Amino acid sequence: MRKYLAAAAAAVLTGAVLTGSAQAAGSIEPMSATNCTGNAGMTDGSGSVCIIVKGSGLKVDSVHVSKKSNNRAWTDYARFEFSDGSGSYMSGTVSAARTVTKTVGTNWGLNAADGSKVCGWWAQFPNKKACATIHK
């Protein structure tokens, strides 16, 4: 597992929340976001891709990317990137049975810029991204 870090963006911690982007539907919890795109039964094998972001204020405690496919077994690796340049992550290779959901990610512990996005995807399907927007 590799984690790439750049300088953390300046943060204003008072009153900020994480919310899902309009790009992907999802349920929003206070101070966190879970957003998904696609569906597990897609015939191209891309499945359902979700990004799970936990944090408080503009501080992002952890980011995880999950995938589930109901139509075939798969092997892939996940990535996520922050649009403000504060960092990115690439998982090791993951293999899953046909109906298994796999989740990979890392504890982050850095601040993100207000209005920045974090998007996650799987390498074989780079155009199937789930995103969350971080804002005050």
N, C-alpha and C. Protein backbone atom coordinates (compact mmCIF):
# COMPACT_ATOMS: atom_id res chain seq x y z
N MET A 1 0.84 -1.16 0.00
CA MET A 1 0.00 0.00 0.00
C MET A 1 0.89 1.23 0.00
N ARG A 2 0.54 2.19 -0.84
CA ARG A 2 1.32 3.42 -0.91
C ARG A 2 0.42 4.60 -0.63
N LYS A 3 0.98 5.55 0.06
CA LYS A 3 0.23 6.76 0.36
C LYS A 3 1.09 7.94 -0.05
N TYR A 4 0.55 8.81 -0.88
CA TYR A 4 1.28 9.98 -1.34
C TYR A 4 0.69 11.20 -0.65
N LEU A 5 1.55 11.98 -0.04
CA LEU A 5 1.08 13.16 0.66
C LEU A 5 1.75 14.41 0.12
N ALA A 6 0.98 15.43 -0.05
CA ALA A 6 1.52 16.75 -0.36
C ALA A 6 1.24 17.64 0.84
N ALA A 7 1.64 18.85 0.80
CA ALA A 7 1.38 19.77 1.91
C ALA A 7 -0.12 19.88 2.14
N ALA A 8 -0.52 19.84 3.39
CA ALA A 8 -1.95 19.95 3.72
C ALA A 8 -2.42 21.38 3.52
N ALA A 9 -3.64 21.52 3.06
CA ALA A 9 -4.22 22.85 2.85
C ALA A 9 -4.54 23.49 4.19
N ALA A 10 -4.55 24.83 4.23
CA ALA A 10 -4.90 25.54 5.45
C ALA A 10 -6.33 25.20 5.82
N ALA A 11 -6.62 25.14 7.11
CA ALA A 11 -7.94 24.70 7.53
C ALA A 11 -8.60 25.69 8.46
N VAL A 12 -9.89 25.76 8.34
CA VAL A 12 -10.73 26.46 9.28
C VAL A 12 -11.65 25.40 9.84
N LEU A 13 -11.46 25.04 11.11
CA LEU A 13 -12.14 23.88 11.66
C LEU A 13 -13.55 24.18 12.17
N THR A 14 -13.91 25.40 12.37
CA THR A 14 -15.19 25.71 12.99
C THR A 14 -16.34 25.56 12.00
N GLY A 15 -17.29 24.71 12.33
CA GLY A 15 -18.54 24.63 11.60
C GLY A 15 -18.50 23.96 10.24
N ALA A 16 -17.46 23.29 9.88
CA ALA A 16 -17.40 22.67 8.56
C ALA A 16 -17.97 21.26 8.60
N VAL A 17 -18.51 20.83 7.46
CA VAL A 17 -19.04 19.48 7.34
C VAL A 17 -18.62 18.89 6.01
N LEU A 18 -18.70 17.58 5.90
CA LEU A 18 -18.44 16.88 4.65
C LEU A 18 -19.79 16.53 4.05
N THR A 19 -19.95 16.77 2.75
CA THR A 19 -21.20 16.41 2.11
C THR A 19 -20.92 15.72 0.79
N GLY A 20 -21.88 14.96 0.33
CA GLY A 20 -21.73 14.27 -0.94
C GLY A 20 -21.87 15.23 -2.10
N SER A 21 -21.27 14.88 -3.20
CA SER A 21 -21.36 15.72 -4.39
C SER A 21 -22.60 15.38 -5.19
N ALA A 22 -22.95 16.27 -6.09
CA ALA A 22 -24.09 16.00 -6.97
C ALA A 22 -23.75 14.90 -7.97
N GLN A 23 -22.46 14.58 -8.10
CA GLN A 23 -22.02 13.58 -9.07
C GLN A 23 -22.49 12.17 -8.69
N ALA A 24 -22.64 11.89 -7.41
CA ALA A 24 -23.01 10.55 -6.99
C ALA A 24 -24.04 10.63 -5.87
N ALA A 25 -25.09 9.84 -5.97
CA ALA A 25 -26.10 9.83 -4.92
C ALA A 25 -25.57 9.11 -3.70
N GLY A 26 -26.03 9.49 -2.52
CA GLY A 26 -25.57 8.81 -1.32
C GLY A 26 -26.24 9.35 -0.09
N SER A 27 -25.99 8.71 1.03
CA SER A 27 -26.55 9.17 2.29
C SER A 27 -25.52 10.01 3.01
N ILE A 28 -25.96 11.11 3.58
CA ILE A 28 -25.06 12.03 4.27
C ILE A 28 -25.28 11.89 5.77
N GLU A 29 -24.21 11.72 6.49
CA GLU A 29 -24.25 11.68 7.94
C GLU A 29 -23.52 12.91 8.44
N PRO A 30 -23.85 13.41 9.61
CA PRO A 30 -23.11 14.56 10.14
C PRO A 30 -21.61 14.26 10.17
N MET A 31 -20.85 15.20 9.63
CA MET A 31 -19.40 15.12 9.64
C MET A 31 -18.85 13.93 8.85
N SER A 32 -19.61 13.37 7.95
CA SER A 32 -19.11 12.29 7.10
C SER A 32 -19.96 12.21 5.84
N ALA A 33 -19.47 11.45 4.87
CA ALA A 33 -20.23 11.27 3.64
C ALA A 33 -19.97 9.89 3.08
N THR A 34 -21.00 9.26 2.56
CA THR A 34 -20.88 8.02 1.82
C THR A 34 -21.63 8.21 0.51
N ASN A 35 -20.92 8.16 -0.59
CA ASN A 35 -21.54 8.37 -1.90
C ASN A 35 -21.18 7.22 -2.82
N CYS A 36 -22.15 6.80 -3.61
CA CYS A 36 -21.95 5.65 -4.50
C CYS A 36 -22.37 6.00 -5.92
N THR A 37 -21.81 5.27 -6.86
CA THR A 37 -22.19 5.40 -8.26
C THR A 37 -22.26 3.99 -8.85
N GLY A 38 -23.04 3.81 -9.91
CA GLY A 38 -23.17 2.51 -10.54
C GLY A 38 -24.06 1.58 -9.74
N ASN A 39 -24.13 0.32 -10.18
CA ASN A 39 -24.86 -0.69 -9.41
C ASN A 39 -24.14 -2.02 -9.54
N ALA A 40 -24.34 -2.87 -8.56
CA ALA A 40 -23.59 -4.12 -8.46
C ALA A 40 -23.83 -5.06 -9.62
N GLY A 41 -24.96 -4.96 -10.30
CA GLY A 41 -25.29 -5.89 -11.38
C GLY A 41 -24.86 -5.45 -12.77
N MET A 42 -24.07 -4.41 -12.90
CA MET A 42 -23.68 -3.92 -14.22
C MET A 42 -22.92 -4.98 -15.00
N THR A 43 -23.28 -5.18 -16.25
CA THR A 43 -22.70 -6.26 -17.05
C THR A 43 -21.25 -6.03 -17.43
N ASP A 44 -20.77 -4.78 -17.38
CA ASP A 44 -19.36 -4.51 -17.71
C ASP A 44 -18.41 -4.85 -16.58
N GLY A 45 -18.94 -5.27 -15.41
CA GLY A 45 -18.10 -5.64 -14.28
C GLY A 45 -17.69 -4.48 -13.39
N SER A 46 -18.11 -3.25 -13.75
CA SER A 46 -17.70 -2.09 -12.97
C SER A 46 -18.36 -2.07 -11.59
N GLY A 47 -19.53 -2.62 -11.47
CA GLY A 47 -20.20 -2.75 -10.19
C GLY A 47 -20.60 -1.44 -9.55
N SER A 48 -20.82 -1.50 -8.26
CA SER A 48 -21.15 -0.34 -7.45
C SER A 48 -19.88 0.15 -6.78
N VAL A 49 -19.55 1.43 -6.97
CA VAL A 49 -18.34 2.03 -6.40
C VAL A 49 -18.78 3.10 -5.40
N CYS A 50 -18.23 3.03 -4.19
CA CYS A 50 -18.58 4.00 -3.15
C CYS A 50 -17.33 4.61 -2.56
N ILE A 51 -17.46 5.87 -2.12
CA ILE A 51 -16.41 6.51 -1.35
C ILE A 51 -16.99 6.81 0.03
N ILE A 52 -16.22 6.51 1.06
CA ILE A 52 -16.64 6.70 2.44
C ILE A 52 -15.63 7.64 3.08
N VAL A 53 -16.09 8.83 3.48
CA VAL A 53 -15.21 9.84 4.07
C VAL A 53 -15.68 10.11 5.49
N LYS A 54 -14.76 10.07 6.43
CA LYS A 54 -15.07 10.38 7.83
C LYS A 54 -14.19 11.54 8.25
N GLY A 55 -14.74 12.46 9.04
CA GLY A 55 -13.95 13.58 9.49
C GLY A 55 -14.74 14.52 10.36
N SER A 56 -14.07 15.58 10.78
CA SER A 56 -14.67 16.61 11.62
C SER A 56 -14.13 17.94 11.15
N GLY A 57 -15.02 18.86 10.84
CA GLY A 57 -14.56 20.12 10.26
C GLY A 57 -13.95 19.84 8.89
N LEU A 58 -12.89 20.53 8.54
CA LEU A 58 -12.21 20.28 7.28
C LEU A 58 -11.16 19.19 7.41
N LYS A 59 -11.00 18.66 8.62
CA LYS A 59 -10.04 17.57 8.84
C LYS A 59 -10.67 16.26 8.39
N VAL A 60 -9.99 15.56 7.50
CA VAL A 60 -10.44 14.27 7.00
C VAL A 60 -9.71 13.19 7.78
N ASP A 61 -10.46 12.42 8.57
CA ASP A 61 -9.85 11.37 9.39
C ASP A 61 -9.53 10.12 8.58
N SER A 62 -10.42 9.74 7.66
CA SER A 62 -10.18 8.54 6.86
C SER A 62 -10.96 8.62 5.55
N VAL A 63 -10.44 7.92 4.55
CA VAL A 63 -11.12 7.80 3.26
C VAL A 63 -11.01 6.34 2.82
N HIS A 64 -12.13 5.78 2.40
CA HIS A 64 -12.17 4.40 1.92
C HIS A 64 -12.97 4.34 0.62
N VAL A 65 -12.61 3.39 -0.24
CA VAL A 65 -13.31 3.16 -1.50
C VAL A 65 -13.75 1.70 -1.50
N SER A 66 -15.02 1.46 -1.87
CA SER A 66 -15.52 0.09 -1.91
C SER A 66 -16.04 -0.25 -3.30
N LYS A 67 -16.15 -1.54 -3.55
CA LYS A 67 -16.72 -2.02 -4.82
C LYS A 67 -17.43 -3.34 -4.58
N LYS A 68 -18.58 -3.47 -5.23
CA LYS A 68 -19.33 -4.73 -5.20
C LYS A 68 -19.80 -5.02 -6.61
N SER A 69 -19.64 -6.27 -7.02
CA SER A 69 -20.14 -6.72 -8.32
C SER A 69 -20.92 -8.00 -8.11
N ASN A 70 -22.14 -8.05 -8.63
CA ASN A 70 -22.97 -9.25 -8.50
C ASN A 70 -22.87 -10.17 -9.71
N ASN A 71 -22.13 -9.75 -10.74
CA ASN A 71 -22.17 -10.55 -11.96
C ASN A 71 -20.89 -11.33 -12.24
N ARG A 72 -19.80 -11.06 -11.53
CA ARG A 72 -18.59 -11.86 -11.74
C ARG A 72 -17.54 -11.56 -10.68
N ALA A 73 -16.62 -12.49 -10.49
CA ALA A 73 -15.49 -12.27 -9.59
C ALA A 73 -14.57 -11.23 -10.23
N TRP A 74 -13.76 -10.55 -9.42
CA TRP A 74 -12.92 -9.49 -9.96
C TRP A 74 -11.63 -9.32 -9.15
N THR A 75 -10.63 -8.75 -9.82
CA THR A 75 -9.37 -8.37 -9.21
C THR A 75 -9.03 -6.98 -9.71
N ASP A 76 -8.70 -6.07 -8.79
CA ASP A 76 -8.46 -4.68 -9.17
C ASP A 76 -7.76 -3.98 -8.01
N TYR A 77 -7.43 -2.72 -8.18
CA TYR A 77 -6.94 -1.91 -7.07
C TYR A 77 -7.64 -0.56 -7.11
N ALA A 78 -7.76 0.07 -5.94
CA ALA A 78 -8.50 1.33 -5.82
C ALA A 78 -7.56 2.51 -5.67
N ARG A 79 -8.10 3.68 -6.04
CA ARG A 79 -7.37 4.94 -5.87
C ARG A 79 -8.34 6.00 -5.38
N PHE A 80 -7.80 7.01 -4.70
CA PHE A 80 -8.55 8.23 -4.47
C PHE A 80 -7.60 9.40 -4.52
N GLU A 81 -8.14 10.57 -4.86
CA GLU A 81 -7.36 11.81 -4.94
C GLU A 81 -8.20 12.98 -4.43
N PHE A 82 -7.51 13.92 -3.80
CA PHE A 82 -8.12 15.18 -3.39
C PHE A 82 -7.90 16.21 -4.49
N SER A 83 -8.94 16.95 -4.85
CA SER A 83 -8.83 17.94 -5.92
C SER A 83 -7.95 19.13 -5.54
N ASP A 84 -7.73 19.35 -4.23
CA ASP A 84 -6.90 20.48 -3.79
C ASP A 84 -5.41 20.13 -3.77
N GLY A 85 -5.06 18.91 -4.19
CA GLY A 85 -3.66 18.50 -4.23
C GLY A 85 -3.10 18.06 -2.89
N SER A 86 -3.95 17.91 -1.88
CA SER A 86 -3.44 17.54 -0.56
C SER A 86 -3.03 16.07 -0.46
N GLY A 87 -3.31 15.27 -1.48
CA GLY A 87 -2.81 13.91 -1.46
C GLY A 87 -3.63 12.94 -2.28
N SER A 88 -3.11 11.72 -2.34
CA SER A 88 -3.78 10.64 -3.05
C SER A 88 -3.39 9.32 -2.39
N TYR A 89 -4.05 8.26 -2.81
CA TYR A 89 -3.83 6.93 -2.22
C TYR A 89 -4.04 5.89 -3.30
N MET A 90 -3.26 4.82 -3.26
CA MET A 90 -3.46 3.67 -4.14
C MET A 90 -3.36 2.41 -3.28
N SER A 91 -4.36 1.57 -3.37
CA SER A 91 -4.37 0.33 -2.58
C SER A 91 -3.52 -0.74 -3.24
N GLY A 92 -3.33 -1.81 -2.52
CA GLY A 92 -2.76 -3.01 -3.10
C GLY A 92 -3.84 -3.71 -3.93
N THR A 93 -3.49 -4.78 -4.60
CA THR A 93 -4.44 -5.53 -5.42
C THR A 93 -5.45 -6.24 -4.53
N VAL A 94 -6.70 -6.20 -4.94
CA VAL A 94 -7.81 -6.80 -4.20
C VAL A 94 -8.51 -7.80 -5.12
N SER A 95 -8.85 -8.96 -4.61
CA SER A 95 -9.63 -9.95 -5.35
C SER A 95 -10.91 -10.23 -4.58
N ALA A 96 -12.00 -10.42 -5.32
CA ALA A 96 -13.28 -10.64 -4.67
C ALA A 96 -14.09 -11.67 -5.44
N ALA A 97 -14.90 -12.42 -4.69
CA ALA A 97 -15.87 -13.34 -5.29
C ALA A 97 -17.01 -12.51 -5.86
N ARG A 98 -17.89 -13.15 -6.55
CA ARG A 98 -18.96 -12.50 -7.30
C ARG A 98 -19.82 -11.54 -6.48
N THR A 99 -20.21 -11.87 -5.28
CA THR A 99 -21.13 -11.03 -4.52
C THR A 99 -20.49 -10.41 -3.28
N VAL A 100 -19.19 -10.33 -3.24
CA VAL A 100 -18.49 -9.79 -2.08
C VAL A 100 -18.20 -8.30 -2.28
N THR A 101 -18.42 -7.50 -1.24
CA THR A 101 -18.03 -6.10 -1.26
C THR A 101 -16.65 -5.98 -0.65
N LYS A 102 -15.75 -5.32 -1.33
CA LYS A 102 -14.40 -5.08 -0.82
C LYS A 102 -14.23 -3.59 -0.58
N THR A 103 -13.63 -3.25 0.55
CA THR A 103 -13.39 -1.86 0.92
C THR A 103 -11.92 -1.70 1.28
N VAL A 104 -11.27 -0.69 0.70
CA VAL A 104 -9.87 -0.38 0.99
C VAL A 104 -9.76 1.11 1.24
N GLY A 105 -8.72 1.50 1.95
CA GLY A 105 -8.51 2.91 2.22
C GLY A 105 -7.48 3.09 3.32
N THR A 106 -7.51 4.27 3.90
CA THR A 106 -6.51 4.60 4.89
C THR A 106 -7.00 5.66 5.85
N ASN A 107 -6.41 5.69 7.04
CA ASN A 107 -6.60 6.83 7.93
C ASN A 107 -5.83 7.99 7.31
N TRP A 108 -6.40 9.17 7.30
CA TRP A 108 -5.80 10.29 6.59
C TRP A 108 -5.21 11.31 7.56
N GLY A 109 -6.05 11.93 8.39
CA GLY A 109 -5.57 12.84 9.42
C GLY A 109 -5.07 14.19 8.94
N LEU A 110 -5.43 14.59 7.71
CA LEU A 110 -5.00 15.88 7.18
C LEU A 110 -6.21 16.78 6.91
N ASN A 111 -5.94 18.05 6.74
CA ASN A 111 -6.99 19.01 6.43
C ASN A 111 -7.11 19.17 4.92
N ALA A 112 -8.33 19.39 4.47
CA ALA A 112 -8.59 19.63 3.06
C ALA A 112 -9.09 21.07 2.89
N ALA A 113 -8.88 21.62 1.73
CA ALA A 113 -9.35 22.97 1.43
C ALA A 113 -10.87 23.00 1.34
N ASP A 114 -11.45 24.10 1.80
CA ASP A 114 -12.88 24.28 1.70
C ASP A 114 -13.31 24.20 0.24
N GLY A 115 -14.31 23.39 -0.06
CA GLY A 115 -14.82 23.23 -1.42
C GLY A 115 -14.10 22.19 -2.26
N SER A 116 -13.06 21.57 -1.70
CA SER A 116 -12.34 20.55 -2.47
C SER A 116 -13.16 19.25 -2.51
N LYS A 117 -12.82 18.42 -3.49
CA LYS A 117 -13.48 17.11 -3.63
C LYS A 117 -12.46 16.02 -3.40
N VAL A 118 -12.94 14.90 -2.90
CA VAL A 118 -12.16 13.68 -2.88
C VAL A 118 -12.96 12.67 -3.69
N CYS A 119 -12.29 12.08 -4.69
CA CYS A 119 -12.95 11.11 -5.57
C CYS A 119 -12.20 9.78 -5.52
N GLY A 120 -12.95 8.69 -5.51
CA GLY A 120 -12.37 7.36 -5.49
C GLY A 120 -12.86 6.53 -6.65
N TRP A 121 -12.00 5.63 -7.15
CA TRP A 121 -12.35 4.76 -8.27
C TRP A 121 -11.48 3.52 -8.23
N TRP A 122 -11.80 2.56 -9.09
CA TRP A 122 -11.02 1.33 -9.25
C TRP A 122 -10.30 1.41 -10.59
N ALA A 123 -9.08 0.95 -10.64
CA ALA A 123 -8.19 1.14 -11.79
C ALA A 123 -8.78 0.67 -13.12
N GLN A 124 -9.49 -0.45 -13.11
CA GLN A 124 -10.06 -0.97 -14.37
C GLN A 124 -11.22 -0.12 -14.88
N PHE A 125 -11.77 0.73 -14.02
CA PHE A 125 -12.93 1.55 -14.38
C PHE A 125 -12.70 3.00 -13.92
N PRO A 126 -11.71 3.69 -14.51
CA PRO A 126 -11.36 5.03 -14.04
C PRO A 126 -12.44 6.09 -14.26
N ASN A 127 -13.40 5.82 -15.13
CA ASN A 127 -14.46 6.79 -15.37
C ASN A 127 -15.65 6.60 -14.45
N LYS A 128 -15.61 5.60 -13.59
CA LYS A 128 -16.68 5.35 -12.62
C LYS A 128 -16.20 5.83 -11.25
N LYS A 129 -16.31 7.15 -11.01
CA LYS A 129 -15.81 7.76 -9.78
C LYS A 129 -16.95 8.12 -8.85
N ALA A 130 -16.75 7.86 -7.58
CA ALA A 130 -17.64 8.34 -6.54
C ALA A 130 -16.91 9.49 -5.84
N CYS A 131 -17.60 10.61 -5.59
CA CYS A 131 -16.95 11.80 -5.04
C CYS A 131 -17.72 12.35 -3.85
N ALA A 132 -17.01 13.06 -2.99
CA ALA A 132 -17.61 13.81 -1.89
C ALA A 132 -16.94 15.17 -1.87
N THR A 133 -17.72 16.22 -1.59
CA THR A 133 -17.21 17.57 -1.50
C THR A 133 -17.04 17.96 -0.04
N ILE A 134 -15.92 18.57 0.28
CA ILE A 134 -15.62 18.99 1.65
C ILE A 134 -15.80 20.50 1.70
N HIS A 135 -16.66 20.97 2.61
CA HIS A 135 -16.88 22.42 2.71
C HIS A 135 -17.32 22.81 4.11
N LYS A 136 -17.25 24.10 4.35
CA LYS A 136 -17.68 24.64 5.65
C LYS A 136 -19.17 24.55 5.75
